[in-house]
N, C-alpha and C. Protein backbone atom coordinates (compact mmCIF):
# COMPACT_ATOMS: atom_id res chain seq x y z
N MET A 1 4.94 0.81 -20.74
CA MET A 1 3.76 0.46 -19.94
C MET A 1 3.01 -0.68 -20.61
N SER A 2 2.62 -1.66 -19.85
CA SER A 2 1.92 -2.81 -20.40
C SER A 2 0.41 -2.54 -20.44
N LEU A 3 -0.25 -3.30 -21.31
CA LEU A 3 -1.71 -3.23 -21.32
C LEU A 3 -2.25 -3.88 -20.06
N PHE A 4 -3.36 -3.36 -19.53
CA PHE A 4 -3.92 -3.91 -18.30
C PHE A 4 -4.54 -5.28 -18.58
N PRO A 5 -4.08 -6.33 -17.88
CA PRO A 5 -4.66 -7.66 -18.09
C PRO A 5 -5.96 -7.85 -17.32
N TYR A 6 -6.31 -6.86 -16.49
CA TYR A 6 -7.53 -6.95 -15.69
C TYR A 6 -8.46 -5.80 -16.09
N ASP A 7 -9.76 -6.00 -15.85
CA ASP A 7 -10.72 -4.94 -16.08
C ASP A 7 -10.74 -4.04 -14.85
N SER A 8 -10.08 -2.90 -14.95
CA SER A 8 -9.95 -2.01 -13.80
C SER A 8 -11.23 -1.28 -13.47
N THR A 9 -12.31 -1.50 -14.25
CA THR A 9 -13.60 -0.87 -13.95
C THR A 9 -14.48 -1.78 -13.10
N VAL A 10 -14.06 -3.02 -12.85
CA VAL A 10 -14.87 -3.98 -12.10
C VAL A 10 -14.52 -3.88 -10.61
N ASN A 11 -15.54 -3.65 -9.79
CA ASN A 11 -15.36 -3.57 -8.35
C ASN A 11 -15.20 -4.98 -7.77
N ILE A 12 -14.07 -5.22 -7.10
CA ILE A 12 -13.80 -6.54 -6.53
C ILE A 12 -14.70 -6.85 -5.34
N LEU A 13 -15.09 -5.81 -4.60
CA LEU A 13 -15.91 -6.02 -3.40
C LEU A 13 -17.39 -6.15 -3.78
N PRO A 14 -18.12 -7.04 -3.10
CA PRO A 14 -19.53 -7.24 -3.42
C PRO A 14 -20.45 -6.15 -2.88
N GLN A 15 -19.99 -5.43 -1.85
CA GLN A 15 -20.83 -4.42 -1.22
C GLN A 15 -19.98 -3.52 -0.32
N ASP A 16 -20.53 -2.37 0.03
CA ASP A 16 -19.99 -1.49 1.09
C ASP A 16 -18.57 -1.02 0.85
N GLY A 17 -18.15 -0.88 -0.40
CA GLY A 17 -16.81 -0.39 -0.68
C GLY A 17 -16.46 -0.56 -2.14
N GLU A 18 -15.31 -0.02 -2.52
CA GLU A 18 -14.87 -0.09 -3.90
C GLU A 18 -13.38 -0.43 -3.96
N VAL A 19 -13.04 -1.51 -4.65
CA VAL A 19 -11.66 -1.90 -4.86
C VAL A 19 -11.49 -2.27 -6.33
N TYR A 20 -10.50 -1.66 -6.98
CA TYR A 20 -10.25 -1.89 -8.40
C TYR A 20 -8.80 -2.32 -8.61
N TYR A 21 -8.60 -3.40 -9.33
CA TYR A 21 -7.26 -3.91 -9.60
C TYR A 21 -6.91 -3.69 -11.06
N TYR A 22 -5.85 -2.94 -11.31
CA TYR A 22 -5.40 -2.62 -12.66
C TYR A 22 -4.43 -3.66 -13.22
N GLY A 23 -3.90 -4.52 -12.33
CA GLY A 23 -2.86 -5.42 -12.77
C GLY A 23 -1.55 -4.67 -12.96
N GLN A 24 -0.70 -5.18 -13.85
CA GLN A 24 0.62 -4.59 -14.04
C GLN A 24 0.53 -3.31 -14.87
N VAL A 25 0.93 -2.19 -14.26
CA VAL A 25 0.93 -0.90 -14.95
C VAL A 25 2.35 -0.44 -15.26
N PHE A 26 3.35 -1.10 -14.67
CA PHE A 26 4.76 -0.89 -15.03
C PHE A 26 5.25 -2.18 -15.68
N ASN A 27 5.90 -2.08 -16.83
CA ASN A 27 6.37 -3.30 -17.48
C ASN A 27 7.53 -3.92 -16.68
N GLN A 28 7.97 -5.09 -17.09
CA GLN A 28 8.96 -5.84 -16.31
C GLN A 28 10.25 -5.05 -16.10
N ILE A 29 10.74 -4.40 -17.15
CA ILE A 29 11.99 -3.64 -17.05
C ILE A 29 11.81 -2.46 -16.10
N GLN A 30 10.70 -1.72 -16.25
CA GLN A 30 10.43 -0.59 -15.36
C GLN A 30 10.30 -1.05 -13.91
N ALA A 31 9.55 -2.12 -13.70
CA ALA A 31 9.30 -2.61 -12.35
C ALA A 31 10.60 -3.08 -11.69
N ASN A 32 11.45 -3.80 -12.45
CA ASN A 32 12.72 -4.25 -11.90
C ASN A 32 13.60 -3.07 -11.51
N ASP A 33 13.65 -2.07 -12.36
CA ASP A 33 14.47 -0.89 -12.11
C ASP A 33 13.97 -0.13 -10.89
N LEU A 34 12.65 0.04 -10.77
CA LEU A 34 12.09 0.79 -9.64
C LEU A 34 12.26 0.02 -8.33
N MET A 35 12.11 -1.30 -8.39
CA MET A 35 12.32 -2.11 -7.19
C MET A 35 13.74 -1.91 -6.65
N LYS A 36 14.71 -1.95 -7.54
CA LYS A 36 16.11 -1.79 -7.14
C LYS A 36 16.35 -0.39 -6.55
N LYS A 37 15.85 0.63 -7.23
CA LYS A 37 16.07 2.00 -6.77
C LYS A 37 15.37 2.27 -5.44
N LEU A 38 14.18 1.73 -5.26
CA LEU A 38 13.45 1.96 -4.01
C LEU A 38 14.13 1.28 -2.82
N THR A 39 14.60 0.06 -3.02
CA THR A 39 15.26 -0.63 -1.90
C THR A 39 16.56 0.06 -1.51
N GLU A 40 17.20 0.72 -2.47
CA GLU A 40 18.50 1.35 -2.21
C GLU A 40 18.39 2.81 -1.76
N SER A 41 17.39 3.55 -2.25
CA SER A 41 17.37 5.00 -2.03
C SER A 41 16.43 5.46 -0.92
N ILE A 42 15.44 4.65 -0.58
CA ILE A 42 14.48 5.04 0.46
C ILE A 42 15.11 4.92 1.85
N GLN A 43 14.77 5.84 2.74
CA GLN A 43 15.28 5.79 4.11
C GLN A 43 14.41 4.84 4.94
N TRP A 44 14.75 3.56 4.86
CA TRP A 44 13.96 2.53 5.52
C TRP A 44 14.30 2.45 7.01
N LYS A 45 13.26 2.18 7.82
CA LYS A 45 13.45 1.93 9.25
C LYS A 45 12.51 0.82 9.69
N ASN A 46 12.95 0.00 10.63
CA ASN A 46 12.05 -1.01 11.19
C ASN A 46 10.88 -0.31 11.86
N ASP A 47 9.70 -0.86 11.67
CA ASP A 47 8.51 -0.24 12.24
C ASP A 47 8.38 -0.59 13.72
N GLU A 48 7.78 0.32 14.48
CA GLU A 48 7.49 0.08 15.89
C GLU A 48 5.98 0.16 16.08
N VAL A 49 5.40 -0.89 16.59
CA VAL A 49 3.95 -0.90 16.83
C VAL A 49 3.68 -1.32 18.27
N LYS A 50 2.60 -0.76 18.82
CA LYS A 50 2.19 -1.12 20.18
C LYS A 50 1.00 -2.07 20.14
N ILE A 51 1.15 -3.20 20.80
CA ILE A 51 0.09 -4.19 20.89
C ILE A 51 -0.14 -4.49 22.37
N PHE A 52 -1.35 -4.17 22.84
CA PHE A 52 -1.70 -4.35 24.27
C PHE A 52 -0.68 -3.66 25.18
N GLY A 53 -0.26 -2.46 24.75
CA GLY A 53 0.62 -1.64 25.57
C GLY A 53 2.10 -1.95 25.44
N LYS A 54 2.45 -3.00 24.71
CA LYS A 54 3.85 -3.36 24.54
C LYS A 54 4.34 -2.97 23.15
N THR A 55 5.55 -2.41 23.09
CA THR A 55 6.14 -1.99 21.82
C THR A 55 6.88 -3.15 21.17
N HIS A 56 6.59 -3.38 19.90
CA HIS A 56 7.23 -4.45 19.15
C HIS A 56 7.97 -3.85 17.94
N ILE A 57 9.18 -4.33 17.68
CA ILE A 57 9.94 -3.92 16.51
C ILE A 57 9.73 -4.96 15.42
N THR A 58 9.26 -4.52 14.27
CA THR A 58 8.94 -5.46 13.19
C THR A 58 10.16 -5.71 12.30
N GLY A 59 10.18 -6.88 11.67
CA GLY A 59 11.19 -7.15 10.65
C GLY A 59 10.92 -6.30 9.41
N ARG A 60 9.65 -6.15 9.11
CA ARG A 60 9.23 -5.28 8.02
C ARG A 60 9.74 -3.85 8.25
N LYS A 61 10.20 -3.22 7.20
CA LYS A 61 10.67 -1.84 7.31
C LYS A 61 9.68 -0.90 6.63
N VAL A 62 9.65 0.35 7.10
CA VAL A 62 8.70 1.33 6.59
C VAL A 62 9.39 2.66 6.32
N SER A 63 8.70 3.51 5.57
CA SER A 63 9.13 4.88 5.38
C SER A 63 7.91 5.71 4.97
N TRP A 64 7.98 7.01 5.20
CA TRP A 64 6.82 7.90 5.04
C TRP A 64 7.28 9.16 4.32
N TYR A 65 6.67 9.46 3.17
CA TYR A 65 7.04 10.61 2.34
C TYR A 65 5.81 11.45 2.02
N GLY A 66 6.05 12.71 1.65
CA GLY A 66 4.92 13.57 1.31
C GLY A 66 5.33 14.93 0.78
N ASP A 67 4.29 15.73 0.45
CA ASP A 67 4.52 17.10 -0.02
C ASP A 67 5.14 17.97 1.07
N LYS A 68 4.77 17.67 2.31
CA LYS A 68 5.22 18.43 3.49
C LYS A 68 5.58 17.44 4.58
N PRO A 69 6.21 17.88 5.67
CA PRO A 69 6.53 16.96 6.79
C PRO A 69 5.30 16.62 7.62
N TYR A 70 4.32 15.98 6.97
CA TYR A 70 3.10 15.57 7.65
C TYR A 70 3.42 14.59 8.78
N ILE A 71 2.69 14.71 9.87
CA ILE A 71 2.80 13.77 10.99
C ILE A 71 1.73 12.70 10.81
N TYR A 72 2.14 11.44 10.85
CA TYR A 72 1.21 10.33 10.68
C TYR A 72 1.37 9.38 11.85
N SER A 73 0.28 9.11 12.54
CA SER A 73 0.32 8.23 13.72
C SER A 73 -0.61 7.03 13.50
N TYR A 74 -0.09 5.83 13.81
CA TYR A 74 -0.90 4.61 13.77
C TYR A 74 -0.25 3.58 14.66
N ALA A 75 -1.06 2.75 15.30
CA ALA A 75 -0.59 1.65 16.16
C ALA A 75 0.45 2.11 17.16
N GLY A 76 0.26 3.33 17.70
CA GLY A 76 1.17 3.85 18.72
C GLY A 76 2.48 4.38 18.17
N SER A 77 2.60 4.45 16.85
CA SER A 77 3.82 4.93 16.21
C SER A 77 3.56 6.27 15.53
N GLU A 78 4.53 7.18 15.58
CA GLU A 78 4.39 8.49 14.94
C GLU A 78 5.54 8.72 13.97
N LYS A 79 5.19 9.16 12.77
CA LYS A 79 6.20 9.38 11.73
C LYS A 79 6.05 10.78 11.13
N THR A 80 7.19 11.37 10.75
CA THR A 80 7.21 12.66 10.07
C THR A 80 7.64 12.43 8.63
N ALA A 81 6.84 12.92 7.70
CA ALA A 81 7.09 12.65 6.28
C ALA A 81 8.39 13.30 5.79
N LEU A 82 9.14 12.53 5.02
CA LEU A 82 10.29 13.05 4.29
C LEU A 82 9.79 13.60 2.96
N LEU A 83 10.57 14.47 2.32
CA LEU A 83 10.16 15.00 1.02
C LEU A 83 10.44 13.99 -0.08
N TRP A 84 9.62 14.04 -1.13
CA TRP A 84 9.65 13.05 -2.21
C TRP A 84 11.05 12.86 -2.80
N THR A 85 11.36 11.63 -3.16
CA THR A 85 12.54 11.35 -3.97
C THR A 85 12.14 11.43 -5.44
N LYS A 86 13.12 11.43 -6.32
CA LYS A 86 12.86 11.50 -7.77
C LYS A 86 11.99 10.32 -8.21
N GLU A 87 12.35 9.11 -7.76
CA GLU A 87 11.60 7.91 -8.18
C GLU A 87 10.17 7.94 -7.66
N LEU A 88 9.97 8.37 -6.42
CA LEU A 88 8.62 8.42 -5.87
C LEU A 88 7.75 9.41 -6.63
N LEU A 89 8.33 10.55 -7.01
CA LEU A 89 7.56 11.53 -7.77
C LEU A 89 7.17 10.98 -9.14
N GLU A 90 8.07 10.25 -9.77
CA GLU A 90 7.77 9.65 -11.07
C GLU A 90 6.61 8.66 -10.96
N ILE A 91 6.67 7.81 -9.93
CA ILE A 91 5.59 6.84 -9.71
C ILE A 91 4.29 7.56 -9.40
N LYS A 92 4.35 8.55 -8.52
CA LYS A 92 3.16 9.30 -8.11
C LYS A 92 2.48 9.96 -9.31
N GLU A 93 3.27 10.60 -10.17
CA GLU A 93 2.69 11.29 -11.32
C GLU A 93 2.02 10.32 -12.27
N MET A 94 2.61 9.15 -12.46
CA MET A 94 1.99 8.15 -13.34
C MET A 94 0.69 7.63 -12.75
N ILE A 95 0.70 7.35 -11.44
CA ILE A 95 -0.51 6.83 -10.78
C ILE A 95 -1.61 7.89 -10.76
N GLU A 96 -1.23 9.14 -10.57
CA GLU A 96 -2.23 10.22 -10.58
C GLU A 96 -2.88 10.33 -11.95
N GLU A 97 -2.09 10.14 -13.01
CA GLU A 97 -2.65 10.21 -14.36
C GLU A 97 -3.60 9.04 -14.62
N LEU A 98 -3.21 7.85 -14.17
CA LEU A 98 -4.05 6.67 -14.38
C LEU A 98 -5.36 6.75 -13.60
N THR A 99 -5.30 7.25 -12.37
CA THR A 99 -6.47 7.23 -11.49
C THR A 99 -7.23 8.55 -11.47
N GLN A 100 -6.67 9.58 -12.13
CA GLN A 100 -7.30 10.91 -12.14
C GLN A 100 -7.54 11.42 -10.71
N THR A 101 -6.58 11.16 -9.85
CA THR A 101 -6.65 11.57 -8.44
C THR A 101 -5.28 12.09 -8.01
N ASN A 102 -5.25 13.14 -7.20
CA ASN A 102 -3.99 13.66 -6.67
C ASN A 102 -3.73 13.10 -5.28
N TYR A 103 -2.48 12.79 -4.99
CA TYR A 103 -2.08 12.27 -3.69
C TYR A 103 -0.97 13.15 -3.13
N ASN A 104 -0.97 13.35 -1.81
CA ASN A 104 0.05 14.22 -1.22
C ASN A 104 1.00 13.50 -0.26
N SER A 105 0.89 12.17 -0.18
CA SER A 105 1.73 11.42 0.75
C SER A 105 1.79 9.96 0.34
N CYS A 106 2.78 9.25 0.92
CA CYS A 106 2.94 7.83 0.58
C CYS A 106 3.59 7.09 1.73
N LEU A 107 2.97 6.00 2.15
CA LEU A 107 3.54 5.10 3.15
C LEU A 107 4.11 3.89 2.42
N LEU A 108 5.39 3.60 2.69
CA LEU A 108 6.06 2.49 2.02
C LEU A 108 6.35 1.37 3.01
N ASN A 109 6.19 0.14 2.57
CA ASN A 109 6.51 -1.04 3.38
C ASN A 109 7.46 -1.94 2.60
N TYR A 110 8.48 -2.42 3.28
CA TYR A 110 9.49 -3.30 2.68
C TYR A 110 9.44 -4.64 3.41
N TYR A 111 8.95 -5.67 2.71
CA TYR A 111 8.87 -7.03 3.26
C TYR A 111 10.02 -7.85 2.67
N HIS A 112 10.90 -8.35 3.51
CA HIS A 112 12.09 -9.04 3.02
C HIS A 112 11.78 -10.44 2.50
N HIS A 113 10.70 -11.05 2.99
CA HIS A 113 10.29 -12.39 2.58
C HIS A 113 8.87 -12.64 3.08
N GLY A 114 8.36 -13.83 2.79
CA GLY A 114 6.97 -14.13 3.11
C GLY A 114 6.64 -14.28 4.57
N ASN A 115 7.64 -14.38 5.44
CA ASN A 115 7.37 -14.45 6.88
C ASN A 115 7.02 -13.09 7.47
N GLU A 116 7.30 -12.04 6.73
CA GLU A 116 6.94 -10.69 7.16
C GLU A 116 5.59 -10.34 6.56
N SER A 117 4.71 -9.82 7.39
CA SER A 117 3.32 -9.66 6.99
C SER A 117 2.71 -8.40 7.61
N MET A 118 1.43 -8.19 7.32
CA MET A 118 0.65 -7.11 7.93
C MET A 118 -0.71 -7.68 8.29
N GLY A 119 -1.09 -7.56 9.57
CA GLY A 119 -2.36 -8.13 10.02
C GLY A 119 -3.56 -7.31 9.61
N TRP A 120 -4.74 -7.79 10.00
CA TRP A 120 -5.99 -7.12 9.65
C TRP A 120 -6.01 -5.69 10.20
N HIS A 121 -6.36 -4.73 9.35
CA HIS A 121 -6.44 -3.33 9.77
C HIS A 121 -7.24 -2.54 8.74
N ARG A 122 -7.55 -1.32 9.10
CA ARG A 122 -8.19 -0.38 8.18
C ARG A 122 -7.36 0.91 8.15
N ASP A 123 -7.27 1.52 7.00
CA ASP A 123 -6.58 2.81 6.88
C ASP A 123 -7.62 3.91 7.07
N ASN A 124 -8.00 4.12 8.32
CA ASN A 124 -9.09 5.06 8.62
C ASN A 124 -8.70 6.10 9.66
N GLU A 125 -7.41 6.43 9.74
CA GLU A 125 -6.98 7.45 10.70
C GLU A 125 -7.61 8.80 10.35
N ARG A 126 -7.85 9.60 11.37
CA ARG A 126 -8.55 10.87 11.17
C ARG A 126 -7.81 11.83 10.26
N ILE A 127 -6.50 11.70 10.20
CA ILE A 127 -5.72 12.62 9.38
C ILE A 127 -5.88 12.35 7.89
N LEU A 128 -6.40 11.17 7.53
CA LEU A 128 -6.63 10.82 6.14
C LEU A 128 -7.97 11.38 5.66
N LYS A 129 -8.00 11.91 4.46
CA LYS A 129 -9.24 12.42 3.89
C LYS A 129 -10.23 11.28 3.74
N LYS A 130 -11.42 11.43 4.33
CA LYS A 130 -12.40 10.34 4.38
C LYS A 130 -12.86 9.96 2.98
N ASN A 131 -12.88 8.67 2.72
CA ASN A 131 -13.34 8.06 1.47
C ASN A 131 -12.50 8.43 0.26
N ALA A 132 -11.36 9.08 0.48
CA ALA A 132 -10.47 9.39 -0.64
C ALA A 132 -9.79 8.11 -1.11
N PRO A 133 -9.55 7.97 -2.42
CA PRO A 133 -8.88 6.76 -2.91
C PRO A 133 -7.48 6.60 -2.32
N ILE A 134 -7.10 5.36 -2.07
CA ILE A 134 -5.74 4.99 -1.69
C ILE A 134 -5.20 4.11 -2.81
N ALA A 135 -4.07 4.51 -3.38
CA ALA A 135 -3.48 3.78 -4.49
C ALA A 135 -2.32 2.94 -3.99
N SER A 136 -2.43 1.62 -4.16
CA SER A 136 -1.43 0.67 -3.68
C SER A 136 -0.63 0.13 -4.86
N VAL A 137 0.68 0.41 -4.86
CA VAL A 137 1.57 -0.04 -5.92
C VAL A 137 2.54 -1.07 -5.34
N SER A 138 2.69 -2.20 -6.03
CA SER A 138 3.53 -3.29 -5.52
C SER A 138 4.67 -3.62 -6.48
N PHE A 139 5.84 -3.87 -5.90
CA PHE A 139 7.00 -4.33 -6.67
C PHE A 139 7.60 -5.55 -5.96
N GLY A 140 8.14 -6.47 -6.75
CA GLY A 140 8.80 -7.63 -6.16
C GLY A 140 7.91 -8.85 -6.13
N ALA A 141 8.03 -9.63 -5.07
CA ALA A 141 7.33 -10.91 -4.95
C ALA A 141 5.82 -10.76 -5.06
N ILE A 142 5.20 -11.70 -5.74
CA ILE A 142 3.73 -11.75 -5.79
C ILE A 142 3.23 -12.20 -4.42
N ARG A 143 2.32 -11.43 -3.84
CA ARG A 143 1.78 -11.77 -2.51
C ARG A 143 0.27 -11.74 -2.51
N ASP A 144 -0.33 -12.61 -1.69
CA ASP A 144 -1.77 -12.59 -1.48
C ASP A 144 -2.15 -11.34 -0.71
N PHE A 145 -3.32 -10.78 -1.06
CA PHE A 145 -3.86 -9.61 -0.37
C PHE A 145 -5.33 -9.89 -0.11
N GLN A 146 -5.78 -9.70 1.14
CA GLN A 146 -7.11 -10.13 1.52
C GLN A 146 -7.94 -9.00 2.12
N PHE A 147 -9.24 -9.09 1.88
CA PHE A 147 -10.22 -8.17 2.48
C PHE A 147 -11.19 -8.97 3.33
N ARG A 148 -11.67 -8.36 4.43
CA ARG A 148 -12.65 -9.01 5.30
C ARG A 148 -13.66 -7.97 5.76
N HIS A 149 -14.95 -8.23 5.51
CA HIS A 149 -16.01 -7.32 5.92
C HIS A 149 -16.11 -7.32 7.44
N ILE A 150 -16.20 -6.15 8.06
CA ILE A 150 -16.14 -6.08 9.52
C ILE A 150 -17.39 -6.64 10.19
N GLU A 151 -18.50 -6.72 9.48
CA GLU A 151 -19.74 -7.26 10.07
C GLU A 151 -20.02 -8.68 9.61
N THR A 152 -20.05 -8.91 8.31
CA THR A 152 -20.41 -10.23 7.79
C THR A 152 -19.23 -11.22 7.84
N LYS A 153 -18.00 -10.70 7.94
CA LYS A 153 -16.77 -11.50 7.92
C LYS A 153 -16.51 -12.15 6.57
N GLU A 154 -17.28 -11.76 5.55
CA GLU A 154 -17.01 -12.25 4.20
C GLU A 154 -15.61 -11.84 3.77
N LYS A 155 -14.92 -12.72 3.04
CA LYS A 155 -13.55 -12.44 2.62
C LYS A 155 -13.43 -12.42 1.10
N LYS A 156 -12.53 -11.59 0.64
CA LYS A 156 -12.14 -11.55 -0.77
C LYS A 156 -10.63 -11.56 -0.82
N SER A 157 -10.06 -12.28 -1.78
CA SER A 157 -8.61 -12.40 -1.86
C SER A 157 -8.15 -12.27 -3.31
N LEU A 158 -6.99 -11.66 -3.51
CA LEU A 158 -6.38 -11.58 -4.83
C LEU A 158 -4.88 -11.55 -4.66
N GLN A 159 -4.17 -11.70 -5.76
CA GLN A 159 -2.72 -11.64 -5.73
C GLN A 159 -2.25 -10.35 -6.38
N LEU A 160 -1.32 -9.67 -5.69
CA LEU A 160 -0.77 -8.41 -6.19
C LEU A 160 0.58 -8.70 -6.83
N GLY A 161 0.67 -8.40 -8.12
CA GLY A 161 1.87 -8.73 -8.88
C GLY A 161 2.91 -7.63 -8.91
N HIS A 162 4.02 -7.93 -9.52
CA HIS A 162 5.18 -7.05 -9.69
C HIS A 162 4.81 -5.90 -10.64
N GLY A 163 4.86 -4.67 -10.13
CA GLY A 163 4.52 -3.50 -10.94
C GLY A 163 3.03 -3.23 -11.06
N SER A 164 2.25 -3.77 -10.10
CA SER A 164 0.79 -3.67 -10.20
C SER A 164 0.22 -2.50 -9.40
N LEU A 165 -1.03 -2.17 -9.71
CA LEU A 165 -1.76 -1.08 -9.05
C LEU A 165 -3.12 -1.56 -8.57
N LEU A 166 -3.44 -1.27 -7.31
CA LEU A 166 -4.74 -1.55 -6.70
C LEU A 166 -5.28 -0.25 -6.11
N ILE A 167 -6.57 0.01 -6.31
CA ILE A 167 -7.20 1.21 -5.76
C ILE A 167 -8.27 0.81 -4.75
N MET A 168 -8.19 1.38 -3.55
CA MET A 168 -9.24 1.23 -2.53
C MET A 168 -9.94 2.58 -2.39
N ALA A 169 -11.26 2.59 -2.55
CA ALA A 169 -11.97 3.86 -2.57
C ALA A 169 -13.34 3.74 -1.90
N GLY A 170 -14.09 4.86 -1.94
CA GLY A 170 -15.43 4.87 -1.37
C GLY A 170 -15.42 4.53 0.12
N GLN A 171 -16.33 3.67 0.54
CA GLN A 171 -16.49 3.32 1.95
C GLN A 171 -15.70 2.06 2.35
N THR A 172 -14.71 1.72 1.56
CA THR A 172 -13.92 0.51 1.83
C THR A 172 -13.33 0.52 3.24
N GLN A 173 -12.72 1.63 3.64
CA GLN A 173 -12.06 1.68 4.95
C GLN A 173 -13.04 1.70 6.11
N ASP A 174 -14.29 2.07 5.85
CA ASP A 174 -15.32 2.03 6.89
C ASP A 174 -15.80 0.61 7.14
N ASN A 175 -15.85 -0.20 6.09
CA ASN A 175 -16.54 -1.48 6.16
C ASN A 175 -15.68 -2.72 5.97
N TRP A 176 -14.46 -2.55 5.49
CA TRP A 176 -13.61 -3.70 5.21
C TRP A 176 -12.23 -3.51 5.83
N GLN A 177 -11.72 -4.58 6.42
CA GLN A 177 -10.32 -4.63 6.82
C GLN A 177 -9.53 -5.27 5.68
N HIS A 178 -8.21 -5.08 5.69
CA HIS A 178 -7.36 -5.76 4.72
C HIS A 178 -6.08 -6.22 5.39
N GLN A 179 -5.44 -7.21 4.80
CA GLN A 179 -4.19 -7.73 5.36
C GLN A 179 -3.31 -8.34 4.27
N LEU A 180 -2.02 -8.44 4.59
CA LEU A 180 -1.06 -9.16 3.80
C LEU A 180 -0.60 -10.34 4.65
N PRO A 181 -1.14 -11.54 4.42
CA PRO A 181 -0.84 -12.69 5.30
C PRO A 181 0.56 -13.24 5.06
N LYS A 182 1.06 -13.98 6.06
CA LYS A 182 2.35 -14.65 5.92
C LYS A 182 2.25 -15.75 4.86
N ARG A 183 3.31 -15.89 4.12
CA ARG A 183 3.42 -16.96 3.13
C ARG A 183 4.85 -17.48 3.17
N LYS A 184 5.08 -18.55 3.95
CA LYS A 184 6.42 -19.04 4.23
C LYS A 184 7.19 -19.47 2.99
N LYS A 185 6.48 -19.83 1.93
CA LYS A 185 7.15 -20.28 0.71
C LYS A 185 7.69 -19.12 -0.13
N VAL A 186 7.27 -17.89 0.20
CA VAL A 186 7.75 -16.72 -0.55
C VAL A 186 9.12 -16.31 0.01
N GLU A 187 10.13 -16.38 -0.83
CA GLU A 187 11.49 -16.08 -0.38
C GLU A 187 11.98 -14.72 -0.87
N LYS A 188 11.33 -14.16 -1.87
CA LYS A 188 11.80 -12.90 -2.45
C LYS A 188 11.17 -11.69 -1.73
N PRO A 189 11.84 -10.53 -1.79
CA PRO A 189 11.31 -9.32 -1.13
C PRO A 189 10.19 -8.66 -1.92
N ARG A 190 9.45 -7.82 -1.22
CA ARG A 190 8.37 -7.05 -1.83
C ARG A 190 8.38 -5.64 -1.25
N VAL A 191 8.18 -4.65 -2.11
CA VAL A 191 8.02 -3.26 -1.69
C VAL A 191 6.63 -2.80 -2.09
N ASN A 192 5.90 -2.24 -1.13
CA ASN A 192 4.55 -1.74 -1.40
C ASN A 192 4.47 -0.25 -1.07
N LEU A 193 3.84 0.51 -1.95
CA LEU A 193 3.65 1.94 -1.76
C LEU A 193 2.16 2.23 -1.73
N THR A 194 1.68 2.90 -0.70
CA THR A 194 0.28 3.32 -0.66
C THR A 194 0.22 4.83 -0.67
N PHE A 195 -0.23 5.37 -1.79
CA PHE A 195 -0.37 6.81 -1.96
C PHE A 195 -1.69 7.25 -1.36
N ARG A 196 -1.63 8.30 -0.53
CA ARG A 196 -2.77 8.72 0.28
C ARG A 196 -2.98 10.23 0.18
N THR A 197 -4.12 10.68 0.77
CA THR A 197 -4.38 12.12 0.87
C THR A 197 -4.54 12.50 2.32
N ILE A 198 -3.56 13.26 2.80
CA ILE A 198 -3.59 13.76 4.17
C ILE A 198 -4.35 15.07 4.23
N LEU A 199 -5.18 15.27 5.24
CA LEU A 199 -5.88 16.55 5.39
C LEU A 199 -4.85 17.62 5.75
N ASP A 200 -4.82 18.66 4.97
CA ASP A 200 -3.80 19.71 5.12
C ASP A 200 -4.37 20.85 5.95
């Protein structure tokens, strides 16, 4: 494990939420190994989202894991959680130790290159425990990650590195949207894991 190059106690957001960036928490060898295992062992599927009543199949692939077969619905799509893999449990246990928070589920996204993205949204579905921390772990290509206040439209941006950890907590999902914008110059893949707490 590498030393944190960032001050994980500093809130990135100026108001109405809490976001903490730990930087790289898995060293290069660990991160490379986990990236390979996740791309090969996870049951990836292209995501289906509904926009203005029409169903779209994304290039980005997703998967949903948890303690139990939790049902998770967003953007007109419904998923049933698979049970944890060995690698996911190892990552989860390390993140729980670092953040002193327990998580019972994880949504994974696989972006093959910079043309695959995620638009502005909030992780505020009713099934998620309100104001509970969401731990975002990234492997692979360095990508920009942005926040936008829903009222003031103020933006904050940072780059999420290979093997890094970001925590979104407090009222962040009430007041801020976030997105992973397209970056055409990015040619390498990225895998992102967001550990969450589902109401049981």
